[in-house]
Amino acid sequence: MAETIRIFNNATAIMTGASSGIGRAMSLELARRGAHMVLADRQIELAEQLADEIVASGGKAYARELDVRDYPSVAALVDEAVALTGRIDYLFNNAGIGIAGLVSDHSLDDWNVTFDVNVGGVINGIQACYSKMIEQGFGHIVNTASVAGLVPAASHISYSASKFAVAGLSQALRVEAEFHGVRVSALCPGAIDTPILTGGVFGKLPEGISHERAAQYWKPLRPMNADVFARRAIDRVARNQPIIIVPGWWRVATWLYRLSWRTWYRWSKSDLDRARKILTQSLK
């Protein structure tokens, strides 16, 4: 009898960007559902703490230090997971950063690091595991894009551009992958209450913007609790949805963008004006 993907008990799941934010929350949720978690992150101490927490609760997990920009390291991580567990059911290409602010204030390095992590990291993960999933005849690649990868975000242009690339890649690859029995989904969070909203460890806020000011910008958008997000997102992964938008009300933004560009444009200008006012007030 041919092997098939496991949902999720005794599945092997790799999570990049696992130590904080939605990566941490999804790792805990997957472990609760019986998955063997491979926790990959540049912040190895936090990843190891998370692995210890999962094991102490009766789950299965181990941590590895990983920079997703380094392909040989990504490939070694995947090879190790397959050697230890005999399979790879899920790859969550979740590691990402955000460089907030206006493009007029961006440096070339800001653009490069955003695309190297958010797009290059996803490509490295796919290159490392896709052929193995094809050989198995099963697997599910879940690429973390964003609602900002479906609807342009004028206040986060470099981030939005990188996430459009991830969303487009995921939708196109899903068509090809189905011929091999492999699944691909684009995970598109709305505003989720995680450190990336206020810059995170490796991201960047505009000069003069404090974490408190950044949080002020997001407050009207009602960021969702990360644990609630994880439960809903993993439910949709189990159903093999091609584009996973959580919270669900953010689907309204995608419909608005598709149906009425002018309405979206007016809203986007208003949102950018609000962001610029916060920036101007901070620099006074």
C-alpha atoms as a PDB file:
ATOM      1  CA  MET A   1       0.000   0.000   0.000  1.00  0.00           C
ATOM      2  CA  ALA A   2       1.407   3.384  -1.027  1.00  0.00           C
ATOM      3  CA  GLU A   3       2.226   5.917   1.670  1.00  0.00           C
ATOM      4  CA  THR A   4       0.087   9.055   1.855  1.00  0.00           C
ATOM      5  CA  ILE A   5       0.328  12.368   3.661  1.00  0.00           C
ATOM      6  CA  ARG A   6      -0.495  12.285   7.366  1.00  0.00           C
ATOM      7  CA  ILE A   7      -2.937  14.827   8.803  1.00  0.00           C
ATOM      8  CA  PHE A   8      -1.296  15.442  11.202  1.00  0.00           C
ATOM      9  CA  ASN A   9      -0.570  12.554  13.556  1.00  0.00           C
ATOM     10  CA  ASN A  10       2.945  11.136  13.082  1.00  0.00           C
ATOM     11  CA  ALA A  11       3.592  13.538  10.206  1.00  0.00           C
ATOM     12  CA  THR A  12       7.011  15.151   9.793  1.00  0.00           C
ATOM     13  CA  ALA A  13       6.703  18.937   9.542  1.00  0.00           C
ATOM     14  CA  ILE A  14       9.487  21.465   9.035  1.00  0.00           C
ATOM     15  CA  MET A  15       8.742  25.006  10.213  1.00  0.00           C
ATOM     16  CA  THR A  16      11.114  27.850   9.318  1.00  0.00           C
ATOM     17  CA  GLY A  17      10.866  30.981  11.416  1.00  0.00           C
ATOM     18  CA  ALA A  18       9.611  28.704  14.191  1.00  0.00           C
ATOM     19  CA  SER A  19      10.795  30.516  17.302  1.00  0.00           C
ATOM     20  CA  SER A  20       8.274  33.365  17.428  1.00  0.00           C
ATOM     21  CA  GLY A  21       5.076  34.783  15.989  1.00  0.00           C
ATOM     22  CA  ILE A  22       2.875  32.620  13.811  1.00  0.00           C
ATOM     23  CA  GLY A  23       5.708  30.117  13.317  1.00  0.00           C
ATOM     24  CA  ARG A  24       5.773  29.392  17.033  1.00  0.00           C
ATOM     25  CA  ALA A  25       1.986  29.277  17.295  1.00  0.00           C
ATOM     26  CA  MET A  26       1.604  26.938  14.307  1.00  0.00           C
ATOM     27  CA  SER A  27       4.394  24.689  15.597  1.00  0.00           C
ATOM     28  CA  LEU A  28       2.618  24.284  18.927  1.00  0.00           C
ATOM     29  CA  GLU A  29      -0.679  23.586  17.172  1.00  0.00           C
ATOM     30  CA  LEU A  30       0.835  20.999  14.830  1.00  0.00           C
ATOM     31  CA  ALA A  31       2.609  19.301  17.745  1.00  0.00           C
ATOM     32  CA  ARG A  32      -0.685  19.127  19.642  1.00  0.00           C
ATOM     33  CA  ARG A  33      -2.126  17.334  16.627  1.00  0.00           C
ATOM     34  CA  GLY A  34       0.661  14.770  16.707  1.00  0.00           C
ATOM     35  CA  ALA A  35       3.184  16.084  14.186  1.00  0.00           C
ATOM     36  CA  HIS A  36       6.911  15.556  14.636  1.00  0.00           C
ATOM     37  CA  MET A  37       8.193  19.136  14.484  1.00  0.00           C
ATOM     38  CA  VAL A  38      11.500  20.268  13.010  1.00  0.00           C
ATOM     39  CA  LEU A  39      11.924  23.796  14.350  1.00  0.00           C
ATOM     40  CA  ALA A  40      14.270  25.959  12.274  1.00  0.00           C
ATOM     41  CA  ASP A  41      15.232  29.513  13.137  1.00  0.00           C
ATOM     42  CA  ARG A  42      18.142  31.925  13.342  1.00  0.00           C
ATOM     43  CA  GLN A  43      17.207  32.409  17.008  1.00  0.00           C
ATOM     44  CA  ILE A  44      18.337  28.939  18.038  1.00  0.00           C
ATOM     45  CA  GLU A  45      17.970  29.478  21.784  1.00  0.00           C
ATOM     46  CA  LEU A  46      14.280  30.310  21.405  1.00  0.00           C
ATOM     47  CA  ALA A  47      13.787  27.410  18.999  1.00  0.00           C
ATOM     48  CA  GLU A  48      15.390  25.023  21.498  1.00  0.00           C
ATOM     49  CA  GLN A  49      13.161  26.359  24.263  1.00  0.00           C
ATOM     50  CA  LEU A  50      10.128  25.726  22.072  1.00  0.00           C
ATOM     51  CA  ALA A  51      11.311  22.182  21.305  1.00  0.00           C
ATOM     52  CA  ASP A  52      11.738  21.536  25.044  1.00  0.00           C
ATOM     53  CA  GLU A  53       8.233  22.887  25.670  1.00  0.00           C
ATOM     54  CA  ILE A  54       6.735  20.587  23.041  1.00  0.00           C
ATOM     55  CA  VAL A  55       8.607  17.515  24.325  1.00  0.00           C
ATOM     56  CA  ALA A  56       7.651  18.295  27.929  1.00  0.00           C
ATOM     57  CA  SER A  57       4.006  18.293  26.831  1.00  0.00           C
ATOM     58  CA  GLY A  58       4.372  14.842  25.281  1.00  0.00           C
ATOM     59  CA  GLY A  59       5.057  15.963  21.720  1.00  0.00           C
ATOM     60  CA  LYS A  60       7.933  15.364  19.313  1.00  0.00           C
ATOM     61  CA  ALA A  61      10.289  18.146  18.267  1.00  0.00           C
ATOM     62  CA  TYR A  62      13.874  19.172  17.784  1.00  0.00           C
ATOM     63  CA  ALA A  63      15.464  22.507  16.880  1.00  0.00           C
ATOM     64  CA  ARG A  64      18.124  23.524  14.373  1.00  0.00           C
ATOM     65  CA  GLU A  65      19.730  26.877  13.680  1.00  0.00           C
ATOM     66  CA  LEU A  66      18.926  28.021  10.157  1.00  0.00           C
ATOM     67  CA  ASP A  67      19.244  31.069   7.940  1.00  0.00           C
ATOM     68  CA  VAL A  68      16.873  30.380   5.051  1.00  0.00           C
ATOM     69  CA  ARG A  69      19.085  32.430   2.710  1.00  0.00           C
ATOM     70  CA  ASP A  70      21.743  29.688   2.921  1.00  0.00           C
ATOM     71  CA  TYR A  71      20.654  26.933   0.526  1.00  0.00           C
ATOM     72  CA  PRO A  72      23.177  24.259   1.633  1.00  0.00           C
ATOM     73  CA  SER A  73      21.930  24.649   5.206  1.00  0.00           C
ATOM     74  CA  VAL A  74      18.298  24.365   4.104  1.00  0.00           C
ATOM     75  CA  ALA A  75      19.075  21.248   2.068  1.00  0.00           C
ATOM     76  CA  ALA A  76      20.962  19.699   5.007  1.00  0.00           C
ATOM     77  CA  LEU A  77      17.995  20.380   7.297  1.00  0.00           C
ATOM     78  CA  VAL A  78      15.615  18.602   4.923  1.00  0.00           C
ATOM     79  CA  ASP A  79      18.010  15.687   4.420  1.00  0.00           C
ATOM     80  CA  GLU A  80      18.373  15.269   8.174  1.00  0.00           C
ATOM     81  CA  ALA A  81      14.616  15.308   8.743  1.00  0.00           C
ATOM     82  CA  VAL A  82      14.095  12.604   6.121  1.00  0.00           C
ATOM     83  CA  ALA A  83      16.964  10.524   7.529  1.00  0.00           C
ATOM     84  CA  LEU A  84      15.565  10.729  11.065  1.00  0.00           C
ATOM     85  CA  THR A  85      11.870  10.200  10.342  1.00  0.00           C
ATOM     86  CA  GLY A  86      11.832   8.534   6.924  1.00  0.00           C
ATOM     87  CA  ARG A  87       9.563  11.126   5.337  1.00  0.00           C
ATOM     88  CA  ILE A  88       8.589  14.776   4.996  1.00  0.00           C
ATOM     89  CA  ASP A  89       4.888  15.522   5.032  1.00  0.00           C
ATOM     90  CA  TYR A  90       4.940  19.298   5.419  1.00  0.00           C
ATOM     91  CA  LEU A  91       7.300  22.148   4.713  1.00  0.00           C
ATOM     92  CA  PHE A  92       6.148  25.456   6.170  1.00  0.00           C
ATOM     93  CA  ASN A  93       8.213  28.128   4.436  1.00  0.00           C
ATOM     94  CA  ASN A  94       7.353  30.651   7.118  1.00  0.00           C
ATOM     95  CA  ALA A  95      10.492  32.691   7.860  1.00  0.00           C
ATOM     96  CA  GLY A  96      10.078  36.316   6.857  1.00  0.00           C
ATOM     97  CA  ILE A  97      10.940  39.904   7.705  1.00  0.00           C
ATOM     98  CA  GLY A  98       9.356  43.288   7.147  1.00  0.00           C
ATOM     99  CA  ILE A  99      11.025  46.591   6.282  1.00  0.00           C
ATOM    100  CA  ALA A 100       8.354  49.170   7.012  1.00  0.00           C
ATOM    101  CA  GLY A 101       8.145  52.731   5.777  1.00  0.00           C
ATOM    102  CA  LEU A 102       8.245  54.661   2.537  1.00  0.00           C
ATOM    103  CA  VAL A 103      10.242  53.540  -0.492  1.00  0.00           C
ATOM    104  CA  SER A 104      11.772  57.028  -0.591  1.00  0.00           C
ATOM    105  CA  ASP A 105      13.497  56.097   2.677  1.00  0.00           C
ATOM    106  CA  HIS A 106      14.603  52.595   1.587  1.00  0.00           C
ATOM    107  CA  SER A 107      18.179  51.639   0.874  1.00  0.00           C
ATOM    108  CA  LEU A 108      19.142  49.017  -1.687  1.00  0.00           C
ATOM    109  CA  ASP A 109      20.089  46.759   1.236  1.00  0.00           C
ATOM    110  CA  ASP A 110      16.510  47.047   2.537  1.00  0.00           C
ATOM    111  CA  TRP A 111      15.184  45.725  -0.758  1.00  0.00           C
ATOM    112  CA  ASN A 112      17.797  42.985  -1.013  1.00  0.00           C
ATOM    113  CA  VAL A 113      17.348  41.571   2.472  1.00  0.00           C
ATOM    114  CA  THR A 114      13.548  41.613   2.112  1.00  0.00           C
ATOM    115  CA  PHE A 115      13.644  39.590  -1.104  1.00  0.00           C
ATOM    116  CA  ASP A 116      16.531  37.354  -0.008  1.00  0.00           C
ATOM    117  CA  VAL A 117      14.581  36.213   3.071  1.00  0.00           C
ATOM    118  CA  ASN A 118      10.950  36.415   1.970  1.00  0.00           C
ATOM    119  CA  VAL A 119      11.363  35.098  -1.572  1.00  0.00           C
ATOM    120  CA  GLY A 120      14.792  33.478  -1.665  1.00  0.00           C
ATOM    121  CA  GLY A 121      14.096  31.581   1.541  1.00  0.00           C
ATOM    122  CA  VAL A 122      10.901  30.141   0.071  1.00  0.00           C
ATOM    123  CA  ILE A 123      12.706  29.148  -3.135  1.00  0.00           C
ATOM    124  CA  ASN A 124      15.449  27.452  -1.131  1.00  0.00           C
ATOM    125  CA  GLY A 125      12.891  25.458   0.827  1.00  0.00           C
ATOM    126  CA  ILE A 126      11.119  24.352  -2.334  1.00  0.00           C
ATOM    127  CA  GLN A 127      14.360  23.364  -4.058  1.00  0.00           C
ATOM    128  CA  ALA A 128      15.409  21.340  -1.018  1.00  0.00           C
ATOM    129  CA  CYS A 129      12.220  19.349  -0.477  1.00  0.00           C
ATOM    130  CA  TYR A 130      10.070  19.332  -3.634  1.00  0.00           C
ATOM    131  CA  SER A 131      11.977  16.525  -5.375  1.00  0.00           C
ATOM    132  CA  LYS A 132      11.815  14.433  -2.199  1.00  0.00           C
ATOM    133  CA  MET A 133       8.046  14.932  -2.011  1.00  0.00           C
ATOM    134  CA  ILE A 134       7.726  13.944  -5.674  1.00  0.00           C
ATOM    135  CA  GLU A 135       9.753  10.794  -4.978  1.00  0.00           C
ATOM    136  CA  GLN A 136       7.471   9.964  -2.015  1.00  0.00           C
ATOM    137  CA  GLY A 137       4.342  10.748  -3.996  1.00  0.00           C
ATOM    138  CA  PHE A 138       2.991  13.055  -1.298  1.00  0.00           C
ATOM    139  CA  GLY A 139       3.733  16.205   0.675  1.00  0.00           C
ATOM    140  CA  HIS A 140       2.411  19.682   1.330  1.00  0.00           C
ATOM    141  CA  ILE A 141       4.378  22.902   0.901  1.00  0.00           C
ATOM    142  CA  VAL A 142       2.825  25.837   2.771  1.00  0.00           C
ATOM    143  CA  ASN A 143       4.375  29.184   1.849  1.00  0.00           C
ATOM    144  CA  THR A 144       3.664  32.117   4.124  1.00  0.00           C
ATOM    145  CA  ALA A 145       2.664  35.028   1.918  1.00  0.00           C
ATOM    146  CA  SER A 146       0.278  37.681   3.273  1.00  0.00           C
ATOM    147  CA  VAL A 147      -2.912  39.513   2.488  1.00  0.00           C
ATOM    148  CA  ALA A 148      -0.361  42.140   1.413  1.00  0.00           C
ATOM    149  CA  GLY A 149       0.621  39.604  -1.252  1.00  0.00           C
ATOM    150  CA  LEU A 150      -2.917  39.668  -2.650  1.00  0.00           C
ATOM    151  CA  VAL A 151      -3.712  43.363  -2.157  1.00  0.00           C
ATOM    152  CA  PRO A 152      -0.973  45.996  -2.588  1.00  0.00           C
ATOM    153  CA  ALA A 153       0.069  47.614   0.702  1.00  0.00           C
ATOM    154  CA  ALA A 154       1.258  51.154  -0.047  1.00  0.00           C
ATOM    155  CA  SER A 155       2.683  51.618   3.464  1.00  0.00           C
ATOM    156  CA  HIS A 156       4.787  48.422   3.213  1.00  0.00           C
ATOM    157  CA  ILE A 157       5.772  48.314  -0.460  1.00  0.00           C
ATOM    158  CA  SER A 158       8.924  46.159  -0.333  1.00  0.00           C
ATOM    159  CA  TYR A 159       7.216  43.654   1.962  1.00  0.00           C
ATOM    160  CA  SER A 160       4.081  43.636  -0.205  1.00  0.00           C
ATOM    161  CA  ALA A 161       6.114  43.128  -3.387  1.00  0.00           C
ATOM    162  CA  SER A 162       7.950  40.154  -1.881  1.00  0.00           C
ATOM    163  CA  LYS A 163       4.714  38.577  -0.689  1.00  0.00           C
ATOM    164  CA  PHE A 164       3.085  39.007  -4.112  1.00  0.00           C
ATOM    165  CA  ALA A 165       5.983  36.946  -5.440  1.00  0.00           C
ATOM    166  CA  VAL A 166       5.355  34.221  -2.848  1.00  0.00           C
ATOM    167  CA  ALA A 167       1.600  34.156  -3.489  1.00  0.00           C
ATOM    168  CA  GLY A 168       2.098  33.956  -7.256  1.00  0.00           C
ATOM    169  CA  LEU A 169       4.782  31.290  -7.000  1.00  0.00           C
ATOM    170  CA  SER A 170       2.557  29.196  -4.709  1.00  0.00           C
ATOM    171  CA  GLN A 171      -0.515  29.344  -6.942  1.00  0.00           C
ATOM    172  CA  ALA A 172       1.479  28.455 -10.065  1.00  0.00           C
ATOM    173  CA  LEU A 173       3.424  25.645  -8.375  1.00  0.00           C
ATOM    174  CA  ARG A 174       0.209  24.135  -7.012  1.00  0.00           C
ATOM    175  CA  VAL A 175      -0.881  23.352 -10.587  1.00  0.00           C
ATOM    176  CA  GLU A 176       2.361  21.550 -11.431  1.00  0.00           C
ATOM    177  CA  ALA A 177       2.666  19.822  -8.047  1.00  0.00           C
ATOM    178  CA  GLU A 178      -0.765  18.206  -8.308  1.00  0.00           C
ATOM    179  CA  PHE A 179       0.572  16.024 -11.149  1.00  0.00           C
ATOM    180  CA  HIS A 180       2.966  14.511  -8.602  1.00  0.00           C
ATOM    181  CA  GLY A 181       0.523  14.159  -5.705  1.00  0.00           C
ATOM    182  CA  VAL A 182       2.092  17.131  -3.898  1.00  0.00           C
ATOM    183  CA  ARG A 183       0.052  19.946  -2.391  1.00  0.00           C
ATOM    184  CA  VAL A 184       0.943  23.644  -2.297  1.00  0.00           C
ATOM    185  CA  SER A 185      -0.837  26.388  -0.366  1.00  0.00           C
ATOM    186  CA  ALA A 186      -0.272  30.109   0.061  1.00  0.00           C
ATOM    187  CA  LEU A 187      -0.856  31.146   3.658  1.00  0.00           C
ATOM    188  CA  CYS A 188      -2.044  34.759   3.653  1.00  0.00           C
ATOM    189  CA  PRO A 189      -2.390  36.188   7.162  1.00  0.00           C
ATOM    190  CA  GLY A 190      -4.057  39.493   7.773  1.00  0.00           C
ATOM    191  CA  ALA A 191      -2.911  41.503  10.773  1.00  0.00           C
ATOM    192  CA  ILE A 192      -1.785  38.997  13.429  1.00  0.00           C
ATOM    193  CA  ASP A 193      -0.551  40.072  16.862  1.00  0.00           C
ATOM    194  CA  THR A 194       3.102  39.074  16.453  1.00  0.00           C
ATOM    195  CA  PRO A 195       6.482  40.859  16.714  1.00  0.00           C
ATOM    196  CA  ILE A 196       6.721  41.444  12.946  1.00  0.00           C
ATOM    197  CA  LEU A 197       4.069  44.177  13.242  1.00  0.00           C
ATOM    198  CA  THR A 198       6.527  46.270  15.231  1.00  0.00           C
ATOM    199  CA  GLY A 199       9.686  45.340  13.356  1.00  0.00           C
ATOM    200  CA  GLY A 200      10.618  42.034  14.933  1.00  0.00           C
ATOM    201  CA  VAL A 201      14.241  41.107  15.594  1.00  0.00           C
ATOM    202  CA  PHE A 202      15.502  41.186  12.006  1.00  0.00           C
ATOM    203  CA  GLY A 203      13.091  43.669  10.419  1.00  0.00           C
ATOM    204  CA  LYS A 204      13.193  47.442  10.477  1.00  0.00           C
ATOM    205  CA  LEU A 205      10.923  50.328  11.397  1.00  0.00           C
ATOM    206  CA  PRO A 206      11.265  53.817   9.897  1.00  0.00           C
ATOM    207  CA  GLU A 207      13.693  56.100  11.700  1.00  0.00           C
ATOM    208  CA  GLY A 208      12.012  57.687  14.716  1.00  0.00           C
ATOM    209  CA  ILE A 209       9.168  55.159  14.934  1.00  0.00           C
ATOM    210  CA  SER A 210       8.971  53.349  18.269  1.00  0.00           C
ATOM    211  CA  HIS A 211       7.373  49.945  18.805  1.00  0.00           C
ATOM    212  CA  GLU A 212       4.505  51.773  20.514  1.00  0.00           C
ATOM    213  CA  ARG A 213       3.962  54.034  17.489  1.00  0.00           C
ATOM    214  CA  ALA A 214       4.017  51.053  15.147  1.00  0.00           C
ATOM    215  CA  ALA A 215       1.427  49.300  17.316  1.00  0.00           C
ATOM    216  CA  GLN A 216      -0.730  52.434  17.070  1.00  0.00           C
ATOM    217  CA  TYR A 217      -0.841  52.044  13.292  1.00  0.00           C
ATOM    218  CA  TRP A 218      -2.035  48.423  13.516  1.00  0.00           C
ATOM    219  CA  LYS A 219      -4.596  48.870  16.292  1.00  0.00           C
ATOM    220  CA  PRO A 220      -7.546  49.884  14.011  1.00  0.00           C
ATOM    221  CA  LEU A 221      -6.921  46.707  11.965  1.00  0.00           C
ATOM    222  CA  ARG A 222      -7.669  44.497  15.002  1.00  0.00           C
ATOM    223  CA  PRO A 223      -4.686  42.103  14.962  1.00  0.00           C
ATOM    224  CA  MET A 224      -5.735  38.520  15.717  1.00  0.00           C
ATOM    225  CA  ASN A 225      -4.222  36.490  18.543  1.00  0.00           C
ATOM    226  CA  ALA A 226      -1.522  34.207  17.099  1.00  0.00           C
ATOM    227  CA  ASP A 227      -2.850  31.049  18.791  1.00  0.00           C
ATOM    228  CA  VAL A 228      -6.333  31.605  17.380  1.00  0.00           C
ATOM    229  CA  PHE A 229      -4.766  32.222  13.977  1.00  0.00           C
ATOM    230  CA  ALA A 230      -2.782  28.997  14.185  1.00  0.00           C
ATOM    231  CA  ARG A 231      -5.823  26.831  14.936  1.00  0.00           C
ATOM    232  CA  ARG A 232      -7.786  28.277  12.036  1.00  0.00           C
ATOM    233  CA  ALA A 233      -4.852  28.227   9.614  1.00  0.00           C
ATOM    234  CA  ILE A 234      -3.907  24.611  10.372  1.00  0.00           C
ATOM    235  CA  ASP A 235      -7.543  23.557   9.932  1.00  0.00           C
ATOM    236  CA  ARG A 236      -7.391  25.014   6.428  1.00  0.00           C
ATOM    237  CA  VAL A 237      -4.057  23.363   5.688  1.00  0.00           C
ATOM    238  CA  ALA A 238      -5.722  20.053   6.596  1.00  0.00           C
ATOM    239  CA  ARG A 239      -8.419  20.830   4.003  1.00  0.00           C
ATOM    240  CA  ASN A 240      -5.734  21.605   1.402  1.00  0.00           C
ATOM    241  CA  GLN A 241      -7.044  25.071   0.615  1.00  0.00           C
ATOM    242  CA  PRO A 242      -4.977  26.772  -2.113  1.00  0.00           C
ATOM    243  CA  ILE A 243      -5.117  30.282  -0.593  1.00  0.00           C
ATOM    244  CA  ILE A 244      -5.595  30.507   3.162  1.00  0.00           C
ATOM    245  CA  ILE A 245      -6.762  33.923   4.385  1.00  0.00           C
ATOM    246  CA  VAL A 246      -7.059  34.333   8.154  1.00  0.00           C
ATOM    247  CA  PRO A 247      -8.828  36.254   9.707  1.00  0.00           C
ATOM    248  CA  GLY A 248     -11.583  35.583   7.203  1.00  0.00           C
ATOM    249  CA  TRP A 249     -12.819  39.162   7.106  1.00  0.00           C
ATOM    250  CA  TRP A 250      -9.638  40.127   5.220  1.00  0.00           C
ATOM    251  CA  ARG A 251     -11.150  38.364   2.216  1.00  0.00           C
ATOM    252  CA  VAL A 252     -13.283  41.500   1.858  1.00  0.00           C
ATOM    253  CA  ALA A 253     -10.112  43.450   1.068  1.00  0.00           C
ATOM    254  CA  THR A 254      -9.170  40.990  -1.678  1.00  0.00           C
ATOM    255  CA  TRP A 255     -12.669  41.142  -3.188  1.00  0.00           C
ATOM    256  CA  LEU A 256     -12.659  44.936  -3.048  1.00  0.00           C
ATOM    257  CA  TYR A 257      -9.322  45.094  -4.831  1.00  0.00           C
ATOM    258  CA  ARG A 258     -10.502  42.762  -7.604  1.00  0.00           C
ATOM    259  CA  LEU A 259     -13.947  44.288  -8.032  1.00  0.00           C
ATOM    260  CA  SER A 260     -13.296  48.007  -7.634  1.00  0.00           C
ATOM    261  CA  TRP A 261      -9.773  49.280  -8.143  1.00  0.00           C
ATOM    262  CA  ARG A 262     -10.858  52.890  -7.586  1.00  0.00           C
ATOM    263  CA  THR A 263     -12.419  52.089  -4.205  1.00  0.00           C
ATOM    264  CA  TRP A 264      -9.297  50.219  -3.149  1.00  0.00           C
ATOM    265  CA  TYR A 265      -7.152  53.106  -4.368  1.00  0.00           C
ATOM    266  CA  ARG A 266      -9.067  55.654  -2.252  1.00  0.00           C
ATOM    267  CA  TRP A 267      -8.826  53.407   0.801  1.00  0.00           C
ATOM    268  CA  SER A 268      -5.119  52.798   0.188  1.00  0.00           C
ATOM    269  CA  LYS A 269      -4.387  56.529  -0.062  1.00  0.00           C
ATOM    270  CA  SER A 270      -6.250  57.092   3.201  1.00  0.00           C
ATOM    271  CA  ASP A 271      -4.291  54.304   4.906  1.00  0.00           C
ATOM    272  CA  LEU A 272      -0.961  55.657   3.628  1.00  0.00           C
ATOM    273  CA  ASP A 273      -1.906  59.141   4.789  1.00  0.00           C
ATOM    274  CA  ARG A 274      -2.597  57.738   8.264  1.00  0.00           C
ATOM    275  CA  ALA A 275       0.805  55.998   8.284  1.00  0.00           C
ATOM    276  CA  ARG A 276       2.572  59.178   7.148  1.00  0.00           C
ATOM    277  CA  LYS A 277       0.899  61.192   9.912  1.00  0.00           C
ATOM    278  CA  ILE A 278       2.153  58.706  12.514  1.00  0.00           C
ATOM    279  CA  LEU A 279       5.647  59.024  11.032  1.00  0.00           C
ATOM    280  CA  THR A 280       5.499  62.823  10.956  1.00  0.00           C
ATOM    281  CA  GLN A 281       4.301  63.008  14.571  1.00  0.00           C
ATOM    282  CA  SER A 282       7.135  60.725  15.660  1.00  0.00           C
ATOM    283  CA  LEU A 283       9.777  62.881  14.023  1.00  0.00           C
ATOM    284  CA  LYS A 284       8.637  66.091  15.726  1.00  0.00           C
END
